């Protein structure tokens, strides 16, 4: 089982405009996945890992702060690929 985490070019651009604490939390998540595997890290309550629905069905998100989320897809080999890191406003959901 692969413990690889990749960022798309779009996710890299999103991360470049995110506050440092958000970047740090995502990097901590990546380290945990590399150490323990994605299945185990999903159990960590602080990240609120959850499947998305609707047009984003098949993707999952983690919370990086109250207003920042990272959206990823999981590949069959267990690798995770982040497709977006986005700021979420409470009126948007």
C-alpha atoms as a PDB file:
ATOM      1  CA  UNK A   1       0.000   0.000   0.000  1.00  0.00           C
ATOM      2  CA  UNK A   2       1.398   3.359  -1.042  1.00  0.00           C
ATOM      3  CA  UNK A   3       1.622   6.187   1.472  1.00  0.00           C
ATOM      4  CA  UNK A   4       2.191   8.836  -1.148  1.00  0.00           C
ATOM      5  CA  UNK A   5       0.640  12.293  -1.083  1.00  0.00           C
ATOM      6  CA  UNK A   6       0.757  14.561  -4.122  1.00  0.00           C
ATOM      7  CA  UNK A   7      -0.438  18.087  -4.822  1.00  0.00           C
ATOM      8  CA  UNK A   8      -1.795  19.161  -8.167  1.00  0.00           C
ATOM      9  CA  UNK A   9      -0.489  22.405  -9.644  1.00  0.00           C
ATOM     10  CA  UNK A  10      -3.792  24.028  -8.705  1.00  0.00           C
ATOM     11  CA  UNK A  11      -3.428  22.909  -5.071  1.00  0.00           C
ATOM     12  CA  UNK A  12       0.138  24.272  -4.980  1.00  0.00           C
ATOM     13  CA  UNK A  13      -1.107  27.667  -6.162  1.00  0.00           C
ATOM     14  CA  UNK A  14      -3.904  27.627  -3.587  1.00  0.00           C
ATOM     15  CA  UNK A  15      -1.425  26.778  -0.850  1.00  0.00           C
ATOM     16  CA  UNK A  16       0.851  29.652  -1.857  1.00  0.00           C
ATOM     17  CA  UNK A  17      -1.856  32.136  -0.841  1.00  0.00           C
ATOM     18  CA  UNK A  18      -2.873  30.325   2.351  1.00  0.00           C
ATOM     19  CA  UNK A  19      -1.720  31.498   5.809  1.00  0.00           C
ATOM     20  CA  UNK A  20       1.336  29.727   7.222  1.00  0.00           C
ATOM     21  CA  UNK A  21      -0.641  27.910   9.941  1.00  0.00           C
ATOM     22  CA  UNK A  22      -2.765  26.304   7.211  1.00  0.00           C
ATOM     23  CA  UNK A  23       0.330  25.204   5.294  1.00  0.00           C
ATOM     24  CA  UNK A  24       1.817  23.796   8.503  1.00  0.00           C
ATOM     25  CA  UNK A  25      -1.307  21.778   9.307  1.00  0.00           C
ATOM     26  CA  UNK A  26      -1.428  20.303   5.794  1.00  0.00           C
ATOM     27  CA  UNK A  27       2.250  19.357   6.016  1.00  0.00           C
ATOM     28  CA  UNK A  28       1.596  17.702   9.392  1.00  0.00           C
ATOM     29  CA  UNK A  29      -1.243  15.699   7.795  1.00  0.00           C
ATOM     30  CA  UNK A  30       1.067  14.619   4.959  1.00  0.00           C
ATOM     31  CA  UNK A  31       3.702  13.442   7.466  1.00  0.00           C
ATOM     32  CA  UNK A  32       1.090  11.453   9.386  1.00  0.00           C
ATOM     33  CA  UNK A  33      -0.100   9.771   6.185  1.00  0.00           C
ATOM     34  CA  UNK A  34       3.460   8.824   5.290  1.00  0.00           C
ATOM     35  CA  UNK A  35       4.000   7.366   8.770  1.00  0.00           C
ATOM     36  CA  UNK A  36       0.653   5.682   9.459  1.00  0.00           C
ATOM     37  CA  UNK A  37      -1.220   5.451   6.173  1.00  0.00           C
ATOM     38  CA  UNK A  38      -4.306   7.248   4.953  1.00  0.00           C
ATOM     39  CA  UNK A  39      -6.806   4.887   6.573  1.00  0.00           C
ATOM     40  CA  UNK A  40      -5.368   5.501  10.054  1.00  0.00           C
ATOM     41  CA  UNK A  41      -5.046   9.271   9.628  1.00  0.00           C
ATOM     42  CA  UNK A  42      -8.731   9.529   8.693  1.00  0.00           C
ATOM     43  CA  UNK A  43      -9.473   8.571  12.302  1.00  0.00           C
ATOM     44  CA  UNK A  44      -7.697  11.664  13.695  1.00  0.00           C
ATOM     45  CA  UNK A  45     -10.590  13.864  14.889  1.00  0.00           C
ATOM     46  CA  UNK A  46      -8.846  17.214  14.445  1.00  0.00           C
ATOM     47  CA  UNK A  47      -8.884  16.955  10.653  1.00  0.00           C
ATOM     48  CA  UNK A  48     -12.576  16.054  10.259  1.00  0.00           C
ATOM     49  CA  UNK A  49     -11.827  13.921   7.209  1.00  0.00           C
ATOM     50  CA  UNK A  50     -15.102  13.415   5.358  1.00  0.00           C
ATOM     51  CA  UNK A  51     -16.403  12.305   1.962  1.00  0.00           C
ATOM     52  CA  UNK A  52     -17.936  14.985  -0.229  1.00  0.00           C
ATOM     53  CA  UNK A  53     -21.248  14.725  -2.051  1.00  0.00           C
ATOM     54  CA  UNK A  54     -22.891  16.161  -5.139  1.00  0.00           C
ATOM     55  CA  UNK A  55     -20.577  17.319  -7.881  1.00  0.00           C
ATOM     56  CA  UNK A  56     -17.608  16.492  -5.650  1.00  0.00           C
ATOM     57  CA  UNK A  57     -18.640  12.888  -5.004  1.00  0.00           C
ATOM     58  CA  UNK A  58     -15.516  10.737  -4.956  1.00  0.00           C
ATOM     59  CA  UNK A  59     -13.471  13.440  -3.254  1.00  0.00           C
ATOM     60  CA  UNK A  60     -12.781  13.932   0.449  1.00  0.00           C
ATOM     61  CA  UNK A  61     -11.919  17.003   2.501  1.00  0.00           C
ATOM     62  CA  UNK A  62      -9.969  17.761   5.637  1.00  0.00           C
ATOM     63  CA  UNK A  63     -10.208  20.870   7.789  1.00  0.00           C
ATOM     64  CA  UNK A  64      -7.029  22.863   8.127  1.00  0.00           C
ATOM     65  CA  UNK A  65      -8.636  25.622  10.196  1.00  0.00           C
ATOM     66  CA  UNK A  66     -12.086  27.068  10.736  1.00  0.00           C
ATOM     67  CA  UNK A  67     -12.055  28.638   7.307  1.00  0.00           C
ATOM     68  CA  UNK A  68      -9.640  26.516   5.228  1.00  0.00           C
ATOM     69  CA  UNK A  69     -10.256  23.070   3.714  1.00  0.00           C
ATOM     70  CA  UNK A  70      -8.132  20.797   1.568  1.00  0.00           C
ATOM     71  CA  UNK A  71      -9.887  18.581  -0.977  1.00  0.00           C
ATOM     72  CA  UNK A  72      -8.269  15.342  -2.110  1.00  0.00           C
ATOM     73  CA  UNK A  73      -8.925  12.186  -4.067  1.00  0.00           C
ATOM     74  CA  UNK A  74      -7.703   8.744  -3.118  1.00  0.00           C
ATOM     75  CA  UNK A  75      -6.264   6.455  -5.751  1.00  0.00           C
ATOM     76  CA  UNK A  76      -6.633   2.687  -5.746  1.00  0.00           C
ATOM     77  CA  UNK A  77      -3.090   2.188  -4.448  1.00  0.00           C
ATOM     78  CA  UNK A  78      -3.847   4.282  -1.352  1.00  0.00           C
ATOM     79  CA  UNK A  79      -2.129   7.441  -2.581  1.00  0.00           C
ATOM     80  CA  UNK A  80      -3.802  10.788  -1.945  1.00  0.00           C
ATOM     81  CA  UNK A  81      -3.802  13.670  -4.410  1.00  0.00           C
ATOM     82  CA  UNK A  82      -4.811  17.141  -3.249  1.00  0.00           C
ATOM     83  CA  UNK A  83      -6.758  18.973  -5.895  1.00  0.00           C
ATOM     84  CA  UNK A  84      -7.725  22.136  -3.984  1.00  0.00           C
ATOM     85  CA  UNK A  85      -6.888  24.062  -0.850  1.00  0.00           C
ATOM     86  CA  UNK A  86      -9.649  26.589  -0.389  1.00  0.00           C
ATOM     87  CA  UNK A  87     -10.940  29.204   1.944  1.00  0.00           C
ATOM     88  CA  UNK A  88     -14.505  28.487   3.003  1.00  0.00           C
ATOM     89  CA  UNK A  89     -16.842  31.241   4.152  1.00  0.00           C
ATOM     90  CA  UNK A  90     -19.586  30.259   6.529  1.00  0.00           C
ATOM     91  CA  UNK A  91     -22.205  31.615   4.140  1.00  0.00           C
ATOM     92  CA  UNK A  92     -20.944  29.360   1.327  1.00  0.00           C
ATOM     93  CA  UNK A  93     -22.213  26.139   2.902  1.00  0.00           C
END
